[in-house]
Amino acid sequence: MGVYRIRNTVNNKSLVGAGVELPGMLNSHKARLSFGVHENGALQKDWNELGPGAFEFEILDTLEAPQDPAYDPSEDLRVLEALWRDKLSPFDERGYNPRSAKRDQKS
């Protein structure tokens, strides 16, 4: 679990997100983009125009789950993602993240 980024290597725009199962989440993003059904319209538009070769999918940071089976990573992921969004500022002309949207673990 942790924080990921989808980066457009042509214009350096990024989408930053977080979740529990990172490889599956990144594969899901790739599939939705490939099928033309991604929920982020600006990202989908750039993908359609530039092609998949113009994008990098990377894991920025990970969290190790404690041994406690009752551990809920939601708050830790929210904080970690906020730190990366502050660092990378993937908003407006620099990215695909909306400024006012709440973090969505499915993104």
N, C-alpha and C. Protein backbone atom coordinates (compact mmCIF):
# COMPACT_ATOMS: atom_id res chain seq x y z
N MET A 1 0.84 -1.18 0.00
CA MET A 1 0.00 0.00 0.00
C MET A 1 0.88 1.24 0.00
N GLY A 2 0.35 2.31 -0.57
CA GLY A 2 1.15 3.52 -0.64
C GLY A 2 0.61 4.52 -1.65
N VAL A 3 1.54 5.29 -2.21
CA VAL A 3 1.21 6.39 -3.12
C VAL A 3 1.83 6.10 -4.48
N TYR A 4 1.08 6.39 -5.53
CA TYR A 4 1.55 6.17 -6.90
C TYR A 4 1.41 7.45 -7.71
N ARG A 5 2.06 7.44 -8.87
CA ARG A 5 1.95 8.57 -9.80
C ARG A 5 1.88 8.04 -11.22
N ILE A 6 1.02 8.66 -12.00
CA ILE A 6 0.98 8.46 -13.44
C ILE A 6 1.52 9.77 -14.02
N ARG A 7 2.65 9.69 -14.74
CA ARG A 7 3.29 10.90 -15.23
C ARG A 7 3.34 10.92 -16.75
N ASN A 8 2.90 12.02 -17.30
CA ASN A 8 2.98 12.28 -18.72
C ASN A 8 4.41 12.77 -18.99
N THR A 9 5.17 12.01 -19.75
CA THR A 9 6.58 12.36 -19.97
C THR A 9 6.76 13.47 -21.01
N VAL A 10 5.69 13.82 -21.71
CA VAL A 10 5.78 14.88 -22.71
C VAL A 10 5.62 16.25 -22.05
N ASN A 11 4.60 16.40 -21.19
CA ASN A 11 4.36 17.70 -20.56
C ASN A 11 4.60 17.69 -19.05
N ASN A 12 5.03 16.56 -18.52
CA ASN A 12 5.37 16.38 -17.11
C ASN A 12 4.18 16.53 -16.16
N LYS A 13 2.96 16.45 -16.66
CA LYS A 13 1.78 16.47 -15.80
C LYS A 13 1.68 15.13 -15.08
N SER A 14 1.14 15.16 -13.85
CA SER A 14 1.03 13.94 -13.06
C SER A 14 -0.34 13.80 -12.45
N LEU A 15 -0.71 12.55 -12.22
CA LEU A 15 -1.85 12.20 -11.39
C LEU A 15 -1.29 11.43 -10.21
N VAL A 16 -1.56 11.91 -9.00
CA VAL A 16 -1.07 11.26 -7.79
C VAL A 16 -2.26 10.67 -7.06
N GLY A 17 -2.11 9.43 -6.60
CA GLY A 17 -3.16 8.76 -5.86
C GLY A 17 -2.57 7.81 -4.84
N ALA A 18 -3.44 7.19 -4.06
CA ALA A 18 -2.99 6.26 -3.04
C ALA A 18 -3.98 5.12 -2.92
N GLY A 19 -3.50 4.01 -2.41
CA GLY A 19 -4.38 2.87 -2.20
C GLY A 19 -3.67 1.71 -1.56
N VAL A 20 -4.43 0.68 -1.32
CA VAL A 20 -3.93 -0.48 -0.61
C VAL A 20 -3.17 -1.45 -1.52
N GLU A 21 -3.67 -1.69 -2.72
CA GLU A 21 -3.07 -2.68 -3.60
C GLU A 21 -2.53 -1.97 -4.84
N LEU A 22 -1.31 -1.44 -4.73
CA LEU A 22 -0.76 -0.57 -5.77
C LEU A 22 -0.61 -1.21 -7.15
N PRO A 23 -0.04 -2.40 -7.29
CA PRO A 23 0.07 -2.96 -8.64
C PRO A 23 -1.29 -3.12 -9.32
N GLY A 24 -2.28 -3.57 -8.58
CA GLY A 24 -3.62 -3.71 -9.14
C GLY A 24 -4.23 -2.38 -9.52
N MET A 25 -4.00 -1.36 -8.71
CA MET A 25 -4.53 -0.03 -9.01
C MET A 25 -3.90 0.53 -10.28
N LEU A 26 -2.60 0.38 -10.41
CA LEU A 26 -1.93 0.90 -11.62
C LEU A 26 -2.40 0.14 -12.86
N ASN A 27 -2.57 -1.17 -12.73
CA ASN A 27 -3.09 -1.95 -13.86
C ASN A 27 -4.50 -1.52 -14.22
N SER A 28 -5.31 -1.20 -13.22
CA SER A 28 -6.67 -0.74 -13.46
C SER A 28 -6.66 0.60 -14.21
N HIS A 29 -5.79 1.50 -13.80
CA HIS A 29 -5.66 2.79 -14.51
C HIS A 29 -5.28 2.54 -15.97
N LYS A 30 -4.28 1.68 -16.19
CA LYS A 30 -3.84 1.39 -17.56
C LYS A 30 -4.99 0.81 -18.40
N ALA A 31 -5.75 -0.10 -17.82
CA ALA A 31 -6.85 -0.72 -18.54
C ALA A 31 -7.92 0.31 -18.89
N ARG A 32 -8.31 1.15 -17.93
CA ARG A 32 -9.34 2.16 -18.20
C ARG A 32 -8.88 3.16 -19.25
N LEU A 33 -7.61 3.54 -19.19
CA LEU A 33 -7.07 4.44 -20.20
C LEU A 33 -7.06 3.77 -21.57
N SER A 34 -6.65 2.53 -21.62
CA SER A 34 -6.59 1.80 -22.89
C SER A 34 -7.96 1.62 -23.52
N PHE A 35 -8.98 1.42 -22.68
CA PHE A 35 -10.35 1.25 -23.18
C PHE A 35 -11.06 2.57 -23.39
N GLY A 36 -10.41 3.68 -23.04
CA GLY A 36 -10.99 5.00 -23.25
C GLY A 36 -12.08 5.37 -22.27
N VAL A 37 -12.06 4.79 -21.08
CA VAL A 37 -13.13 5.02 -20.11
C VAL A 37 -12.61 5.58 -18.78
N HIS A 38 -11.44 6.15 -18.77
CA HIS A 38 -10.89 6.67 -17.51
C HIS A 38 -11.72 7.85 -17.04
N GLU A 39 -11.95 7.93 -15.74
CA GLU A 39 -12.79 8.98 -15.16
C GLU A 39 -12.14 10.37 -15.19
N ASN A 40 -10.83 10.43 -15.37
CA ASN A 40 -10.15 11.72 -15.44
C ASN A 40 -10.06 12.13 -16.92
N GLY A 41 -10.93 13.05 -17.32
CA GLY A 41 -11.04 13.44 -18.71
C GLY A 41 -9.77 14.02 -19.30
N ALA A 42 -9.06 14.85 -18.54
CA ALA A 42 -7.82 15.46 -19.06
C ALA A 42 -6.74 14.41 -19.28
N LEU A 43 -6.62 13.49 -18.35
CA LEU A 43 -5.65 12.40 -18.49
C LEU A 43 -6.02 11.53 -19.68
N GLN A 44 -7.29 11.20 -19.81
CA GLN A 44 -7.74 10.36 -20.93
C GLN A 44 -7.47 11.05 -22.26
N LYS A 45 -7.72 12.35 -22.33
CA LYS A 45 -7.49 13.11 -23.57
C LYS A 45 -6.01 13.06 -23.96
N ASP A 46 -5.13 13.30 -23.00
CA ASP A 46 -3.69 13.26 -23.29
C ASP A 46 -3.25 11.85 -23.70
N TRP A 47 -3.78 10.83 -23.03
CA TRP A 47 -3.47 9.44 -23.37
C TRP A 47 -3.88 9.16 -24.82
N ASN A 48 -5.09 9.60 -25.18
CA ASN A 48 -5.58 9.37 -26.54
C ASN A 48 -4.71 10.07 -27.58
N GLU A 49 -4.27 11.28 -27.26
CA GLU A 49 -3.48 12.06 -28.22
C GLU A 49 -2.02 11.61 -28.29
N LEU A 50 -1.44 11.25 -27.14
CA LEU A 50 0.00 10.97 -27.09
C LEU A 50 0.34 9.48 -27.10
N GLY A 51 -0.60 8.64 -26.70
CA GLY A 51 -0.37 7.20 -26.66
C GLY A 51 0.25 6.74 -25.37
N PRO A 52 0.16 5.45 -25.11
CA PRO A 52 0.66 4.90 -23.84
C PRO A 52 2.15 5.07 -23.62
N GLY A 53 2.92 5.18 -24.69
CA GLY A 53 4.37 5.34 -24.55
C GLY A 53 4.78 6.66 -23.91
N ALA A 54 3.85 7.60 -23.82
CA ALA A 54 4.15 8.91 -23.24
C ALA A 54 3.90 8.95 -21.73
N PHE A 55 3.59 7.81 -21.13
CA PHE A 55 3.23 7.79 -19.71
C PHE A 55 4.06 6.80 -18.92
N GLU A 56 4.41 7.22 -17.71
CA GLU A 56 5.10 6.35 -16.75
C GLU A 56 4.18 6.12 -15.56
N PHE A 57 4.17 4.89 -15.07
CA PHE A 57 3.40 4.51 -13.90
C PHE A 57 4.40 4.11 -12.84
N GLU A 58 4.37 4.81 -11.70
CA GLU A 58 5.38 4.53 -10.69
C GLU A 58 4.81 4.57 -9.28
N ILE A 59 5.44 3.81 -8.42
CA ILE A 59 5.12 3.83 -6.99
C ILE A 59 6.08 4.81 -6.34
N LEU A 60 5.52 5.82 -5.69
CA LEU A 60 6.33 6.87 -5.06
C LEU A 60 6.74 6.53 -3.63
N ASP A 61 5.85 5.88 -2.91
CA ASP A 61 6.09 5.63 -1.49
C ASP A 61 5.22 4.47 -1.04
N THR A 62 5.68 3.73 -0.08
CA THR A 62 4.89 2.61 0.43
C THR A 62 4.77 2.68 1.95
N LEU A 63 3.73 2.04 2.44
CA LEU A 63 3.50 1.89 3.88
C LEU A 63 3.57 0.42 4.22
N GLU A 64 4.22 0.10 5.30
CA GLU A 64 4.23 -1.26 5.80
C GLU A 64 3.11 -1.39 6.82
N ALA A 65 2.26 -2.36 6.62
CA ALA A 65 1.15 -2.57 7.56
C ALA A 65 1.68 -3.20 8.83
N PRO A 66 1.24 -2.70 9.98
CA PRO A 66 1.64 -3.34 11.22
C PRO A 66 0.99 -4.72 11.32
N GLN A 67 1.46 -5.53 12.24
CA GLN A 67 0.94 -6.88 12.42
C GLN A 67 -0.48 -6.91 12.96
N ASP A 68 -0.99 -5.79 13.42
CA ASP A 68 -2.33 -5.70 13.98
C ASP A 68 -3.37 -5.90 12.87
N PRO A 69 -4.17 -6.98 12.93
CA PRO A 69 -5.17 -7.22 11.89
C PRO A 69 -6.28 -6.17 11.87
N ALA A 70 -6.41 -5.39 12.92
CA ALA A 70 -7.45 -4.36 12.98
C ALA A 70 -6.97 -3.02 12.39
N TYR A 71 -5.73 -2.99 11.94
CA TYR A 71 -5.16 -1.75 11.40
C TYR A 71 -5.95 -1.28 10.18
N ASP A 72 -6.33 -0.01 10.19
CA ASP A 72 -7.01 0.63 9.06
C ASP A 72 -6.04 1.66 8.48
N PRO A 73 -5.57 1.45 7.26
CA PRO A 73 -4.56 2.34 6.69
C PRO A 73 -5.11 3.64 6.13
N SER A 74 -6.41 3.85 6.17
CA SER A 74 -7.03 5.00 5.49
C SER A 74 -6.39 6.33 5.86
N GLU A 75 -6.27 6.61 7.13
CA GLU A 75 -5.72 7.90 7.56
C GLU A 75 -4.24 8.03 7.19
N ASP A 76 -3.48 6.96 7.38
CA ASP A 76 -2.06 7.00 7.03
C ASP A 76 -1.87 7.23 5.53
N LEU A 77 -2.70 6.58 4.72
CA LEU A 77 -2.62 6.79 3.27
C LEU A 77 -3.03 8.21 2.89
N ARG A 78 -4.05 8.73 3.55
CA ARG A 78 -4.50 10.10 3.27
C ARG A 78 -3.37 11.09 3.55
N VAL A 79 -2.69 10.93 4.67
CA VAL A 79 -1.59 11.84 5.04
C VAL A 79 -0.42 11.69 4.07
N LEU A 80 -0.06 10.45 3.76
CA LEU A 80 1.07 10.22 2.86
C LEU A 80 0.78 10.79 1.46
N GLU A 81 -0.43 10.60 0.98
CA GLU A 81 -0.80 11.15 -0.32
C GLU A 81 -0.77 12.68 -0.29
N ALA A 82 -1.26 13.27 0.79
CA ALA A 82 -1.25 14.73 0.90
C ALA A 82 0.18 15.27 0.88
N LEU A 83 1.11 14.57 1.51
CA LEU A 83 2.52 14.98 1.49
C LEU A 83 3.07 14.98 0.06
N TRP A 84 2.75 13.93 -0.70
CA TRP A 84 3.23 13.85 -2.08
C TRP A 84 2.55 14.87 -2.97
N ARG A 85 1.27 15.12 -2.73
CA ARG A 85 0.59 16.16 -3.52
C ARG A 85 1.18 17.53 -3.22
N ASP A 86 1.51 17.78 -1.96
CA ASP A 86 2.16 19.05 -1.62
C ASP A 86 3.52 19.16 -2.30
N LYS A 87 4.26 18.07 -2.33
CA LYS A 87 5.61 18.06 -2.92
C LYS A 87 5.57 18.23 -4.43
N LEU A 88 4.66 17.52 -5.10
CA LEU A 88 4.63 17.51 -6.57
C LEU A 88 3.67 18.52 -7.18
N SER A 89 2.70 18.97 -6.40
CA SER A 89 1.70 19.93 -6.85
C SER A 89 1.09 19.55 -8.20
N PRO A 90 0.44 18.36 -8.28
CA PRO A 90 -0.10 17.89 -9.56
C PRO A 90 -1.47 18.49 -9.90
N PHE A 91 -1.53 19.81 -9.90
CA PHE A 91 -2.79 20.52 -10.11
C PHE A 91 -2.66 21.47 -11.29
N ASP A 92 -3.82 21.86 -11.82
CA ASP A 92 -3.88 22.87 -12.88
C ASP A 92 -2.95 22.49 -14.03
N GLU A 93 -2.06 23.39 -14.44
CA GLU A 93 -1.19 23.12 -15.58
C GLU A 93 -0.10 22.10 -15.26
N ARG A 94 0.08 21.75 -13.99
CA ARG A 94 1.12 20.79 -13.60
C ARG A 94 0.59 19.37 -13.42
N GLY A 95 -0.73 19.21 -13.50
CA GLY A 95 -1.20 17.86 -13.27
C GLY A 95 -2.66 17.62 -13.54
N TYR A 96 -3.08 16.42 -13.19
CA TYR A 96 -4.43 15.94 -13.45
C TYR A 96 -5.29 15.88 -12.20
N ASN A 97 -4.72 16.12 -11.03
CA ASN A 97 -5.49 16.08 -9.80
C ASN A 97 -6.29 17.38 -9.64
N PRO A 98 -7.58 17.26 -9.35
CA PRO A 98 -8.34 18.48 -9.03
C PRO A 98 -7.93 18.98 -7.65
N ARG A 99 -7.90 20.28 -7.47
CA ARG A 99 -7.50 20.85 -6.18
C ARG A 99 -8.47 20.53 -5.05
N SER A 100 -9.75 20.56 -5.34
CA SER A 100 -10.74 20.45 -4.26
C SER A 100 -11.26 19.04 -4.03
N ALA A 101 -10.86 18.09 -4.86
CA ALA A 101 -11.42 16.74 -4.71
C ALA A 101 -10.85 16.04 -3.49
N LYS A 102 -11.70 15.27 -2.86
CA LYS A 102 -11.25 14.44 -1.76
C LYS A 102 -10.49 13.26 -2.34
N ARG A 103 -9.58 12.73 -1.56
CA ARG A 103 -8.81 11.58 -1.98
C ARG A 103 -9.73 10.37 -2.12
N ASP A 104 -9.56 9.66 -3.19
CA ASP A 104 -10.37 8.47 -3.47
C ASP A 104 -9.45 7.28 -3.56
N GLN A 105 -9.58 6.34 -2.65
CA GLN A 105 -8.67 5.19 -2.64
C GLN A 105 -8.81 4.34 -3.89
N LYS A 106 -9.86 4.53 -4.66
CA LYS A 106 -10.03 3.75 -5.88
C LYS A 106 -9.32 4.39 -7.06
N SER A 107 -8.84 5.63 -6.91
CA SER A 107 -8.23 6.31 -8.06
C SER A 107 -6.88 5.76 -8.44
